[in-house]
Amino acid sequence: MLIDFSSPNLTSPSCQLFPGCPLPPFFVKPLKSMAKTNNSPDIRVWHAENYQGLELHRGFAVRHPHPRHWHEELLICAITDGAGYNRLSGTSHFTPAGTLFLVAPSEVHSNWACDEGCSYRNMYLPTPLVSGIVQRIAPESRSFPGVSRDLVSDPDLVADFLSLHRTLQGRTTRLECDALLLDFFASMSSRGLMEIPHLRTAGRESFAVRRAQDFLNERFEDPVSLDELARIANLSPYYFHRTFCRETGMPPHEYQLQVRIARAKSLLRERRPIAWVASATGFADQSHFTRHFKRMVGLTPGRFCTESKNVQDLAGHLD
């Protein structure tokens, strides 16, 4: 859901300013900024579907400073263009394009951009969601993870974060989003940004994976979360995801998509209407179905129907 901060009095409910500080422009979106030009600042906000309280921000050419404040959520921010500074614990850190930084809940900080402005993507993750993600990675963990490093310039990690941000912003399956969140937090832990207990090494759990595959084969049209599949396999969500990838060569959401496309091809060969097939195989709508079908099959569903009919007609002539 897109939010337009067009009112000068509208602020984020989770941002708490110190007395005497002006309203932080980070949470203000003047109406005139909606005009999208190469030089006009723009801030957009989305609420991620399926994750209560998870908020996504995208800023373009933002120039105004963000005075001292704190957030109830964990903030993760990637600078995509321009540069700025982030002041934490009395130290100012330069944040050029390609930088990823974290701000722990309740940590006082301030931000300001360089003259050319700063573009970024960030997300605010409520503490219950973060704790839940960490427990899915390391079930023995019972507390909020510590932020051991505030700043990193790691192209692979930044690329993973941007991919996660775009996925959460778009229309995709809950299963894929769950997996990307777990993978990203595990990557932050392995790079020393977050303190998460030692991760279990994936082994070969063939029987557990087969149970999950059977479920996906039978219930391919249903939305399913990683937690649900992990319960079926009797493994922790993160360990299950790693094991499933190891055993099958692909993550669960891609396996689910393959099953859906295979079933859709069978239904199209039966001359079922495309819109009906899209709904029957678990896709959000016909355009969502068409996009994935063409990517996987190389043809649109309509073209697939035509080509299948031509092949059947040819076979009839040959008989």
C-alpha atoms as a PDB file:
ATOM      1  CA  MET A   1       0.000   0.000   0.000  1.00  0.00           C
ATOM      2  CA  LEU A   2       1.404   3.384  -1.015  1.00  0.00           C
ATOM      3  CA  ILE A   3       1.141   6.269   1.439  1.00  0.00           C
ATOM      4  CA  ASP A   4       1.407   9.886   0.336  1.00  0.00           C
ATOM      5  CA  PHE A   5       2.607  12.133   3.108  1.00  0.00           C
ATOM      6  CA  SER A   6       0.911  15.161   1.546  1.00  0.00           C
ATOM      7  CA  SER A   7      -0.062  16.731   4.872  1.00  0.00           C
ATOM      8  CA  PRO A   8       2.643  18.847   6.566  1.00  0.00           C
ATOM      9  CA  ASN A   9       1.372  17.644   9.945  1.00  0.00           C
ATOM     10  CA  LEU A  10       1.504  13.914   9.214  1.00  0.00           C
ATOM     11  CA  THR A  11       4.376  12.060  10.866  1.00  0.00           C
ATOM     12  CA  SER A  12       5.343   8.467  11.432  1.00  0.00           C
ATOM     13  CA  PRO A  13       3.803   7.275  14.713  1.00  0.00           C
ATOM     14  CA  SER A  14       6.979   5.386  15.617  1.00  0.00           C
ATOM     15  CA  CYS A  15       9.368   8.347  15.396  1.00  0.00           C
ATOM     16  CA  GLN A  16       9.977  10.090  18.733  1.00  0.00           C
ATOM     17  CA  LEU A  17      11.754  13.458  18.599  1.00  0.00           C
ATOM     18  CA  PHE A  18      13.590  15.040  21.447  1.00  0.00           C
ATOM     19  CA  PRO A  19      11.986  18.231  22.833  1.00  0.00           C
ATOM     20  CA  GLY A  20      12.935  21.300  20.871  1.00  0.00           C
ATOM     21  CA  CYS A  21      13.725  19.461  17.650  1.00  0.00           C
ATOM     22  CA  PRO A  22      11.649  20.394  14.614  1.00  0.00           C
ATOM     23  CA  LEU A  23       9.466  17.887  12.824  1.00  0.00           C
ATOM     24  CA  PRO A  24      11.789  15.473  10.926  1.00  0.00           C
ATOM     25  CA  PRO A  25      11.315  15.996   7.197  1.00  0.00           C
ATOM     26  CA  PHE A  26      12.196  12.317   6.693  1.00  0.00           C
ATOM     27  CA  PHE A  27       8.548  11.580   7.462  1.00  0.00           C
ATOM     28  CA  VAL A  28       7.054  14.513   5.564  1.00  0.00           C
ATOM     29  CA  LYS A  29       6.122  14.432   1.902  1.00  0.00           C
ATOM     30  CA  PRO A  30       4.961  17.820   0.594  1.00  0.00           C
ATOM     31  CA  LEU A  31       2.397  17.659  -2.172  1.00  0.00           C
ATOM     32  CA  LYS A  32       4.698  19.467  -4.600  1.00  0.00           C
ATOM     33  CA  SER A  33       7.254  16.636  -4.317  1.00  0.00           C
ATOM     34  CA  MET A  34       4.846  14.358  -6.160  1.00  0.00           C
ATOM     35  CA  ALA A  35       5.960  15.985  -9.410  1.00  0.00           C
ATOM     36  CA  LYS A  36       8.623  13.549 -10.527  1.00  0.00           C
ATOM     37  CA  THR A  37      11.482  15.421 -12.145  1.00  0.00           C
ATOM     38  CA  ASN A  38      15.197  14.771 -12.132  1.00  0.00           C
ATOM     39  CA  ASN A  39      15.742  17.388  -9.423  1.00  0.00           C
ATOM     40  CA  SER A  40      12.683  17.153  -7.198  1.00  0.00           C
ATOM     41  CA  PRO A  41      12.915  15.261  -3.892  1.00  0.00           C
ATOM     42  CA  ASP A  42      10.480  12.416  -3.475  1.00  0.00           C
ATOM     43  CA  ILE A  43       9.739  10.022  -0.609  1.00  0.00           C
ATOM     44  CA  ARG A  44       7.420   7.047  -1.033  1.00  0.00           C
ATOM     45  CA  VAL A  45       6.216   4.676   1.669  1.00  0.00           C
ATOM     46  CA  TRP A  46       4.670   1.201   1.434  1.00  0.00           C
ATOM     47  CA  HIS A  47       3.373  -1.229   4.039  1.00  0.00           C
ATOM     48  CA  ALA A  48       4.596  -4.732   3.224  1.00  0.00           C
ATOM     49  CA  GLU A  49       1.762  -7.194   2.729  1.00  0.00           C
ATOM     50  CA  ASN A  50       1.717 -10.186   5.112  1.00  0.00           C
ATOM     51  CA  TYR A  51       4.139  -8.600   7.614  1.00  0.00           C
ATOM     52  CA  GLN A  52       2.388  -6.434  10.174  1.00  0.00           C
ATOM     53  CA  GLY A  53       4.255  -3.218  10.885  1.00  0.00           C
ATOM     54  CA  LEU A  54       6.958  -3.692   8.245  1.00  0.00           C
ATOM     55  CA  GLU A  55       7.338  -0.371   6.437  1.00  0.00           C
ATOM     56  CA  LEU A  56       9.279   0.275   3.221  1.00  0.00           C
ATOM     57  CA  HIS A  57      10.612   3.698   2.235  1.00  0.00           C
ATOM     58  CA  ARG A  58      12.171   4.910  -0.987  1.00  0.00           C
ATOM     59  CA  GLY A  59      13.741   8.364  -1.172  1.00  0.00           C
ATOM     60  CA  PHE A  60      14.969  10.201  -4.258  1.00  0.00           C
ATOM     61  CA  ALA A  61      17.342  13.202  -4.137  1.00  0.00           C
ATOM     62  CA  VAL A  62      16.411  13.994  -0.517  1.00  0.00           C
ATOM     63  CA  ARG A  63      18.341  17.027   0.706  1.00  0.00           C
ATOM     64  CA  HIS A  64      16.832  18.108   4.017  1.00  0.00           C
ATOM     65  CA  PRO A  65      18.406  16.972   7.301  1.00  0.00           C
ATOM     66  CA  HIS A  66      16.814  14.539   9.721  1.00  0.00           C
ATOM     67  CA  PRO A  67      17.396  15.845  13.260  1.00  0.00           C
ATOM     68  CA  ARG A  68      17.961  13.766  16.390  1.00  0.00           C
ATOM     69  CA  HIS A  69      15.312  11.085  16.755  1.00  0.00           C
ATOM     70  CA  TRP A  70      14.809   7.402  17.411  1.00  0.00           C
ATOM     71  CA  HIS A  71      12.536   4.622  16.159  1.00  0.00           C
ATOM     72  CA  GLU A  72      10.812   1.729  17.830  1.00  0.00           C
ATOM     73  CA  GLU A  73      11.784  -0.495  14.884  1.00  0.00           C
ATOM     74  CA  LEU A  74      15.057  -1.793  13.478  1.00  0.00           C
ATOM     75  CA  LEU A  75      16.065   0.474  10.586  1.00  0.00           C
ATOM     76  CA  ILE A  76      18.005  -0.935   7.623  1.00  0.00           C
ATOM     77  CA  CYS A  77      18.956   1.555   4.911  1.00  0.00           C
ATOM     78  CA  ALA A  78      20.853   1.274   1.612  1.00  0.00           C
ATOM     79  CA  ILE A  79      22.136   4.410  -0.117  1.00  0.00           C
ATOM     80  CA  THR A  80      21.512   4.040  -3.851  1.00  0.00           C
ATOM     81  CA  ASP A  81      22.706   7.418  -5.161  1.00  0.00           C
ATOM     82  CA  GLY A  82      24.334  10.581  -3.848  1.00  0.00           C
ATOM     83  CA  ALA A  83      25.782  10.582  -0.344  1.00  0.00           C
ATOM     84  CA  GLY A  84      25.177  11.724   3.191  1.00  0.00           C
ATOM     85  CA  TYR A  85      26.090  11.236   6.831  1.00  0.00           C
ATOM     86  CA  ASN A  86      24.615   9.180   9.658  1.00  0.00           C
ATOM     87  CA  ARG A  87      25.494  10.203  13.215  1.00  0.00           C
ATOM     88  CA  LEU A  88      25.349   7.418  15.815  1.00  0.00           C
ATOM     89  CA  SER A  89      26.744   7.292  19.345  1.00  0.00           C
ATOM     90  CA  GLY A  90      28.503  10.622  18.914  1.00  0.00           C
ATOM     91  CA  THR A  91      30.274   9.602  15.696  1.00  0.00           C
ATOM     92  CA  SER A  92      29.408  10.791  12.176  1.00  0.00           C
ATOM     93  CA  HIS A  93      29.714   8.159   9.446  1.00  0.00           C
ATOM     94  CA  PHE A  94      29.994   9.026   5.750  1.00  0.00           C
ATOM     95  CA  THR A  95      27.378   7.068   3.761  1.00  0.00           C
ATOM     96  CA  PRO A  96      28.074   7.153  -0.003  1.00  0.00           C
ATOM     97  CA  ALA A  97      26.152   5.192  -2.628  1.00  0.00           C
ATOM     98  CA  GLY A  98      26.589   1.464  -2.060  1.00  0.00           C
ATOM     99  CA  THR A  99      26.536   1.773   1.738  1.00  0.00           C
ATOM    100  CA  LEU A 100      24.216  -0.235   3.980  1.00  0.00           C
ATOM    101  CA  PHE A 101      23.663   0.845   7.575  1.00  0.00           C
ATOM    102  CA  LEU A 102      21.602  -0.357  10.523  1.00  0.00           C
ATOM    103  CA  VAL A 103      20.089   1.566  13.426  1.00  0.00           C
ATOM    104  CA  ALA A 104      18.909  -0.466  16.414  1.00  0.00           C
ATOM    105  CA  PRO A 105      15.534   0.253  18.020  1.00  0.00           C
ATOM    106  CA  SER A 106      15.575   3.257  20.397  1.00  0.00           C
ATOM    107  CA  GLU A 107      19.061   4.319  19.261  1.00  0.00           C
ATOM    108  CA  VAL A 108      19.347   8.102  18.924  1.00  0.00           C
ATOM    109  CA  HIS A 109      20.662   9.162  15.527  1.00  0.00           C
ATOM    110  CA  SER A 110      20.516  11.928  12.932  1.00  0.00           C
ATOM    111  CA  ASN A 111      21.052  12.038   9.173  1.00  0.00           C
ATOM    112  CA  TRP A 112      21.849  14.668   6.593  1.00  0.00           C
ATOM    113  CA  ALA A 113      22.607  14.635   2.880  1.00  0.00           C
ATOM    114  CA  CYS A 114      25.429  16.128   0.871  1.00  0.00           C
ATOM    115  CA  ASP A 115      24.707  19.003  -1.508  1.00  0.00           C
ATOM    116  CA  GLU A 116      23.617  16.765  -4.381  1.00  0.00           C
ATOM    117  CA  GLY A 117      21.044  15.011  -2.227  1.00  0.00           C
ATOM    118  CA  CYS A 118      20.731  11.393  -1.239  1.00  0.00           C
ATOM    119  CA  SER A 119      18.635   8.550  -2.670  1.00  0.00           C
ATOM    120  CA  TYR A 120      17.932   5.438  -0.652  1.00  0.00           C
ATOM    121  CA  ARG A 121      15.751   2.433   0.075  1.00  0.00           C
ATOM    122  CA  ASN A 122      15.099   1.497   3.678  1.00  0.00           C
ATOM    123  CA  MET A 123      12.829  -0.610   5.796  1.00  0.00           C
ATOM    124  CA  TYR A 124      11.542  -0.431   9.337  1.00  0.00           C
ATOM    125  CA  LEU A 125      11.107  -3.843  10.963  1.00  0.00           C
ATOM    126  CA  PRO A 126       9.167  -4.032  14.242  1.00  0.00           C
ATOM    127  CA  THR A 127      10.978  -5.860  17.024  1.00  0.00           C
ATOM    128  CA  PRO A 128       8.511  -8.820  17.214  1.00  0.00           C
ATOM    129  CA  LEU A 129       9.066  -9.472  13.489  1.00  0.00           C
ATOM    130  CA  VAL A 130      12.865  -9.315  13.858  1.00  0.00           C
ATOM    131  CA  SER A 131      12.808 -11.616  16.891  1.00  0.00           C
ATOM    132  CA  GLY A 132      10.622 -14.049  14.954  1.00  0.00           C
ATOM    133  CA  ILE A 133      12.995 -14.052  11.983  1.00  0.00           C
ATOM    134  CA  VAL A 134      15.984 -14.701  14.248  1.00  0.00           C
ATOM    135  CA  GLN A 135      14.217 -17.597  15.998  1.00  0.00           C
ATOM    136  CA  ARG A 136      13.475 -19.135  12.603  1.00  0.00           C
ATOM    137  CA  ILE A 137      17.192 -19.008  11.848  1.00  0.00           C
ATOM    138  CA  ALA A 138      18.398 -20.061  15.289  1.00  0.00           C
ATOM    139  CA  PRO A 139      15.540 -21.634  17.341  1.00  0.00           C
ATOM    140  CA  GLU A 140      17.575 -21.426  20.552  1.00  0.00           C
ATOM    141  CA  SER A 141      17.608 -17.617  20.367  1.00  0.00           C
ATOM    142  CA  ARG A 142      15.129 -15.949  22.737  1.00  0.00           C
ATOM    143  CA  SER A 143      16.174 -12.283  22.592  1.00  0.00           C
ATOM    144  CA  PHE A 144      16.433  -9.438  20.105  1.00  0.00           C
ATOM    145  CA  PRO A 145      19.728  -9.725  18.174  1.00  0.00           C
ATOM    146  CA  GLY A 146      22.470  -7.229  18.858  1.00  0.00           C
ATOM    147  CA  VAL A 147      23.637  -4.874  16.099  1.00  0.00           C
ATOM    148  CA  SER A 148      27.386  -5.404  16.141  1.00  0.00           C
ATOM    149  CA  ARG A 149      28.256  -3.206  13.148  1.00  0.00           C
ATOM    150  CA  ASP A 150      26.409  -0.070  12.091  1.00  0.00           C
ATOM    151  CA  LEU A 151      27.830   0.391   8.593  1.00  0.00           C
ATOM    152  CA  VAL A 152      29.058  -1.806   5.751  1.00  0.00           C
ATOM    153  CA  SER A 153      30.065  -1.411   2.112  1.00  0.00           C
ATOM    154  CA  ASP A 154      29.415  -4.875   0.728  1.00  0.00           C
ATOM    155  CA  PRO A 155      28.115  -4.957  -2.882  1.00  0.00           C
ATOM    156  CA  ASP A 156      26.606  -8.440  -2.530  1.00  0.00           C
ATOM    157  CA  LEU A 157      24.806  -7.642   0.718  1.00  0.00           C
ATOM    158  CA  VAL A 158      23.523  -4.330  -0.650  1.00  0.00           C
ATOM    159  CA  ALA A 159      22.279  -6.103  -3.788  1.00  0.00           C
ATOM    160  CA  ASP A 160      20.509  -8.707  -1.618  1.00  0.00           C
ATOM    161  CA  PHE A 161      18.840  -5.977   0.426  1.00  0.00           C
ATOM    162  CA  LEU A 162      17.660  -4.093  -2.666  1.00  0.00           C
ATOM    163  CA  SER A 163      16.283  -7.330  -4.121  1.00  0.00           C
ATOM    164  CA  LEU A 164      14.450  -8.032  -0.859  1.00  0.00           C
ATOM    165  CA  HIS A 165      13.085  -4.475  -0.755  1.00  0.00           C
ATOM    166  CA  ARG A 166      11.737  -4.659  -4.315  1.00  0.00           C
ATOM    167  CA  THR A 167      10.240  -8.092  -3.683  1.00  0.00           C
ATOM    168  CA  LEU A 168       8.415  -6.938  -0.556  1.00  0.00           C
ATOM    169  CA  GLN A 169       7.210  -3.877  -2.448  1.00  0.00           C
ATOM    170  CA  GLY A 170       5.862  -5.912  -5.361  1.00  0.00           C
ATOM    171  CA  ARG A 171       3.395  -8.734  -5.778  1.00  0.00           C
ATOM    172  CA  THR A 172       4.958 -12.061  -4.996  1.00  0.00           C
ATOM    173  CA  THR A 173       4.294 -15.147  -2.883  1.00  0.00           C
ATOM    174  CA  ARG A 174       4.582 -15.199   0.891  1.00  0.00           C
ATOM    175  CA  LEU A 175       6.872 -18.203   0.534  1.00  0.00           C
ATOM    176  CA  GLU A 176       9.418 -16.270  -1.532  1.00  0.00           C
ATOM    177  CA  CYS A 177       9.348 -13.265   0.813  1.00  0.00           C
ATOM    178  CA  ASP A 178       9.856 -15.494   3.870  1.00  0.00           C
ATOM    179  CA  ALA A 179      12.893 -17.123   2.285  1.00  0.00           C
ATOM    180  CA  LEU A 180      14.463 -13.815   1.223  1.00  0.00           C
ATOM    181  CA  LEU A 181      14.034 -12.355   4.707  1.00  0.00           C
ATOM    182  CA  LEU A 182      15.670 -15.367   6.356  1.00  0.00           C
ATOM    183  CA  ASP A 183      18.530 -15.420   3.842  1.00  0.00           C
ATOM    184  CA  PHE A 184      19.199 -11.703   4.261  1.00  0.00           C
ATOM    185  CA  PHE A 185      19.299 -11.828   8.054  1.00  0.00           C
ATOM    186  CA  ALA A 186      21.554 -14.881   7.939  1.00  0.00           C
ATOM    187  CA  SER A 187      23.850 -12.994   5.542  1.00  0.00           C
ATOM    188  CA  MET A 188      23.977 -10.022   7.921  1.00  0.00           C
ATOM    189  CA  SER A 189      24.925 -12.391  10.733  1.00  0.00           C
ATOM    190  CA  SER A 190      27.650 -14.106   8.709  1.00  0.00           C
ATOM    191  CA  ARG A 191      29.134 -10.698   7.849  1.00  0.00           C
ATOM    192  CA  GLY A 192      29.168  -9.587  11.470  1.00  0.00           C
ATOM    193  CA  LEU A 193      26.402  -6.978  11.329  1.00  0.00           C
ATOM    194  CA  MET A 194      24.044  -8.824  13.689  1.00  0.00           C
ATOM    195  CA  GLU A 195      24.686 -11.164  16.577  1.00  0.00           C
ATOM    196  CA  ILE A 196      22.729 -14.352  15.884  1.00  0.00           C
ATOM    197  CA  PRO A 197      23.705 -17.672  17.510  1.00  0.00           C
ATOM    198  CA  HIS A 198      25.703 -20.197  15.534  1.00  0.00           C
ATOM    199  CA  LEU A 199      23.754 -21.467  12.536  1.00  0.00           C
ATOM    200  CA  ARG A 200      23.243 -25.200  12.130  1.00  0.00           C
ATOM    201  CA  THR A 201      24.963 -26.720   9.121  1.00  0.00           C
ATOM    202  CA  ALA A 202      22.517 -28.123   6.600  1.00  0.00           C
ATOM    203  CA  GLY A 203      22.585 -31.893   6.220  1.00  0.00           C
ATOM    204  CA  ARG A 204      20.657 -34.299   4.067  1.00  0.00           C
ATOM    205  CA  GLU A 205      17.057 -34.580   5.268  1.00  0.00           C
ATOM    206  CA  SER A 206      15.548 -36.295   2.249  1.00  0.00           C
ATOM    207  CA  PHE A 207      12.433 -37.601   3.947  1.00  0.00           C
ATOM    208  CA  ALA A 208      11.571 -34.190   5.439  1.00  0.00           C
ATOM    209  CA  VAL A 209      11.970 -32.526   2.052  1.00  0.00           C
ATOM    210  CA  ARG A 210       9.784 -35.166   0.373  1.00  0.00           C
ATOM    211  CA  ARG A 211       6.990 -34.443   2.854  1.00  0.00           C
ATOM    212  CA  ALA A 212       7.143 -30.767   1.931  1.00  0.00           C
ATOM    213  CA  GLN A 213       7.243 -31.605  -1.787  1.00  0.00           C
ATOM    214  CA  ASP A 214       4.182 -33.823  -1.426  1.00  0.00           C
ATOM    215  CA  PHE A 215       2.340 -30.978   0.271  1.00  0.00           C
ATOM    216  CA  LEU A 216       3.271 -28.525  -2.493  1.00  0.00           C
ATOM    217  CA  ASN A 217       2.300 -31.030  -5.186  1.00  0.00           C
ATOM    218  CA  GLU A 218      -1.157 -31.510  -3.639  1.00  0.00           C
ATOM    219  CA  ARG A 219      -1.824 -27.944  -2.445  1.00  0.00           C
ATOM    220  CA  PHE A 220       0.004 -26.016  -5.161  1.00  0.00           C
ATOM    221  CA  GLU A 221      -2.761 -23.428  -5.538  1.00  0.00           C
ATOM    222  CA  ASP A 222      -2.788 -22.439  -1.853  1.00  0.00           C
ATOM    223  CA  PRO A 223      -0.726 -19.603  -0.398  1.00  0.00           C
ATOM    224  CA  VAL A 224       1.738 -21.173   2.022  1.00  0.00           C
ATOM    225  CA  SER A 225       4.365 -19.713   4.331  1.00  0.00           C
ATOM    226  CA  LEU A 226       7.833 -21.033   5.034  1.00  0.00           C
ATOM    227  CA  ASP A 227       6.783 -21.650   8.631  1.00  0.00           C
ATOM    228  CA  GLU A 228       4.002 -23.979   7.491  1.00  0.00           C
ATOM    229  CA  LEU A 229       6.303 -26.026   5.267  1.00  0.00           C
ATOM    230  CA  ALA A 230       8.913 -26.194   8.024  1.00  0.00           C
ATOM    231  CA  ARG A 231       6.315 -27.572  10.436  1.00  0.00           C
ATOM    232  CA  ILE A 232       5.383 -30.246   7.900  1.00  0.00           C
ATOM    233  CA  ALA A 233       9.066 -31.157   7.550  1.00  0.00           C
ATOM    234  CA  ASN A 234       9.602 -30.905  11.339  1.00  0.00           C
ATOM    235  CA  LEU A 235      12.596 -28.594  10.881  1.00  0.00           C
ATOM    236  CA  SER A 236      13.299 -24.987  11.792  1.00  0.00           C
ATOM    237  CA  PRO A 237      12.298 -22.633   8.942  1.00  0.00           C
ATOM    238  CA  TYR A 238      15.835 -21.536   8.075  1.00  0.00           C
ATOM    239  CA  TYR A 239      17.297 -25.028   8.286  1.00  0.00           C
ATOM    240  CA  PHE A 240      14.394 -26.384   6.227  1.00  0.00           C
ATOM    241  CA  HIS A 241      14.946 -23.740   3.526  1.00  0.00           C
ATOM    242  CA  ARG A 242      18.658 -24.528   3.255  1.00  0.00           C
ATOM    243  CA  THR A 243      17.972 -28.265   3.204  1.00  0.00           C
ATOM    244  CA  PHE A 244      15.228 -27.969   0.585  1.00  0.00           C
ATOM    245  CA  CYS A 245      17.570 -25.981  -1.676  1.00  0.00           C
ATOM    246  CA  ARG A 246      20.299 -28.554  -1.173  1.00  0.00           C
ATOM    247  CA  GLU A 247      18.067 -31.525  -1.893  1.00  0.00           C
ATOM    248  CA  THR A 248      16.087 -30.148  -4.855  1.00  0.00           C
ATOM    249  CA  GLY A 249      18.404 -27.539  -6.360  1.00  0.00           C
ATOM    250  CA  MET A 250      15.863 -24.737  -5.937  1.00  0.00           C
ATOM    251  CA  PRO A 251      14.102 -22.859  -3.105  1.00  0.00           C
ATOM    252  CA  PRO A 252      10.556 -23.859  -2.093  1.00  0.00           C
ATOM    253  CA  HIS A 253       8.860 -20.891  -3.768  1.00  0.00           C
ATOM    254  CA  GLU A 254      10.434 -21.775  -7.133  1.00  0.00           C
ATOM    255  CA  TYR A 255       9.394 -25.407  -6.718  1.00  0.00           C
ATOM    256  CA  GLN A 256       5.837 -24.239  -5.991  1.00  0.00           C
ATOM    257  CA  LEU A 257       5.910 -22.063  -9.115  1.00  0.00           C
ATOM    258  CA  GLN A 258       7.094 -24.990 -11.239  1.00  0.00           C
ATOM    259  CA  VAL A 259       4.208 -27.131  -9.978  1.00  0.00           C
ATOM    260  CA  ARG A 260       1.715 -24.343 -10.683  1.00  0.00           C
ATOM    261  CA  ILE A 261       3.005 -23.824 -14.226  1.00  0.00           C
ATOM    262  CA  ALA A 262       2.938 -27.569 -14.949  1.00  0.00           C
ATOM    263  CA  ARG A 263      -0.665 -27.777 -13.776  1.00  0.00           C
ATOM    264  CA  ALA A 264      -1.577 -24.653 -15.746  1.00  0.00           C
ATOM    265  CA  LYS A 265      -0.215 -26.198 -18.950  1.00  0.00           C
ATOM    266  CA  SER A 266      -2.418 -29.241 -18.435  1.00  0.00           C
ATOM    267  CA  LEU A 267      -5.490 -27.076 -17.906  1.00  0.00           C
ATOM    268  CA  LEU A 268      -4.726 -24.927 -20.950  1.00  0.00           C
ATOM    269  CA  ARG A 269      -4.461 -28.056 -23.077  1.00  0.00           C
ATOM    270  CA  GLU A 270      -8.000 -28.838 -21.908  1.00  0.00           C
ATOM    271  CA  ARG A 271      -9.074 -25.490 -23.399  1.00  0.00           C
ATOM    272  CA  ARG A 272      -9.902 -23.940 -20.034  1.00  0.00           C
ATOM    273  CA  PRO A 273     -10.179 -20.095 -20.071  1.00  0.00           C
ATOM    274  CA  ILE A 274      -6.889 -18.379 -19.236  1.00  0.00           C
ATOM    275  CA  ALA A 275      -8.351 -16.252 -16.431  1.00  0.00           C
ATOM    276  CA  TRP A 276      -9.891 -19.356 -14.858  1.00  0.00           C
ATOM    277  CA  VAL A 277      -6.575 -21.222 -15.098  1.00  0.00           C
ATOM    278  CA  ALA A 278      -4.764 -18.316 -13.437  1.00  0.00           C
ATOM    279  CA  SER A 279      -7.147 -18.415 -10.479  1.00  0.00           C
ATOM    280  CA  ALA A 280      -7.212 -22.208 -10.257  1.00  0.00           C
ATOM    281  CA  THR A 281      -3.430 -22.448 -10.063  1.00  0.00           C
ATOM    282  CA  GLY A 282      -2.945 -19.850  -7.338  1.00  0.00           C
ATOM    283  CA  PHE A 283      -1.892 -16.746  -9.264  1.00  0.00           C
ATOM    284  CA  ALA A 284      -3.097 -13.317  -8.123  1.00  0.00           C
ATOM    285  CA  ASP A 285      -4.598 -12.446 -11.510  1.00  0.00           C
ATOM    286  CA  GLN A 286      -4.200 -13.107 -15.238  1.00  0.00           C
ATOM    287  CA  SER A 287      -1.364 -10.607 -15.733  1.00  0.00           C
ATOM    288  CA  HIS A 288       0.584 -12.159 -12.843  1.00  0.00           C
ATOM    289  CA  PHE A 289       0.026 -15.600 -14.348  1.00  0.00           C
ATOM    290  CA  THR A 290       0.999 -14.471 -17.865  1.00  0.00           C
ATOM    291  CA  ARG A 291       4.252 -12.903 -16.666  1.00  0.00           C
ATOM    292  CA  HIS A 292       5.428 -16.032 -14.873  1.00  0.00           C
ATOM    293  CA  PHE A 293       4.140 -18.400 -17.565  1.00  0.00           C
ATOM    294  CA  LYS A 294       6.034 -16.580 -20.316  1.00  0.00           C
ATOM    295  CA  ARG A 295       9.204 -16.482 -18.220  1.00  0.00           C
ATOM    296  CA  MET A 296       9.034 -20.215 -17.543  1.00  0.00           C
ATOM    297  CA  VAL A 297       7.607 -21.545 -20.831  1.00  0.00           C
ATOM    298  CA  GLY A 298       8.810 -18.947 -23.338  1.00  0.00           C
ATOM    299  CA  LEU A 299       5.273 -18.337 -24.629  1.00  0.00           C
ATOM    300  CA  THR A 300       2.277 -16.440 -23.341  1.00  0.00           C
ATOM    301  CA  PRO A 301      -0.638 -18.651 -22.232  1.00  0.00           C
ATOM    302  CA  GLY A 302      -2.621 -17.580 -25.315  1.00  0.00           C
ATOM    303  CA  ARG A 303       0.222 -18.475 -27.647  1.00  0.00           C
ATOM    304  CA  PHE A 304       0.700 -21.765 -25.804  1.00  0.00           C
ATOM    305  CA  CYS A 305      -2.963 -22.634 -26.430  1.00  0.00           C
ATOM    306  CA  THR A 306      -2.592 -21.788 -30.118  1.00  0.00           C
ATOM    307  CA  GLU A 307       0.596 -23.801 -30.534  1.00  0.00           C
ATOM    308  CA  SER A 308      -0.905 -26.781 -28.668  1.00  0.00           C
ATOM    309  CA  LYS A 309      -3.942 -26.699 -30.943  1.00  0.00           C
ATOM    310  CA  ASN A 310      -1.731 -26.560 -34.033  1.00  0.00           C
ATOM    311  CA  VAL A 311       0.238 -29.598 -32.864  1.00  0.00           C
ATOM    312  CA  GLN A 312      -2.987 -31.546 -32.226  1.00  0.00           C
ATOM    313  CA  ASP A 313      -4.361 -30.564 -35.632  1.00  0.00           C
ATOM    314  CA  LEU A 314      -1.117 -31.664 -37.292  1.00  0.00           C
ATOM    315  CA  ALA A 315      -1.244 -35.003 -35.469  1.00  0.00           C
ATOM    316  CA  GLY A 316      -4.802 -35.512 -36.685  1.00  0.00           C
ATOM    317  CA  HIS A 317      -3.752 -34.912 -40.296  1.00  0.00           C
ATOM    318  CA  LEU A 318      -0.860 -37.323 -39.948  1.00  0.00           C
ATOM    319  CA  ASP A 319      -3.249 -40.014 -38.718  1.00  0.00           C
END
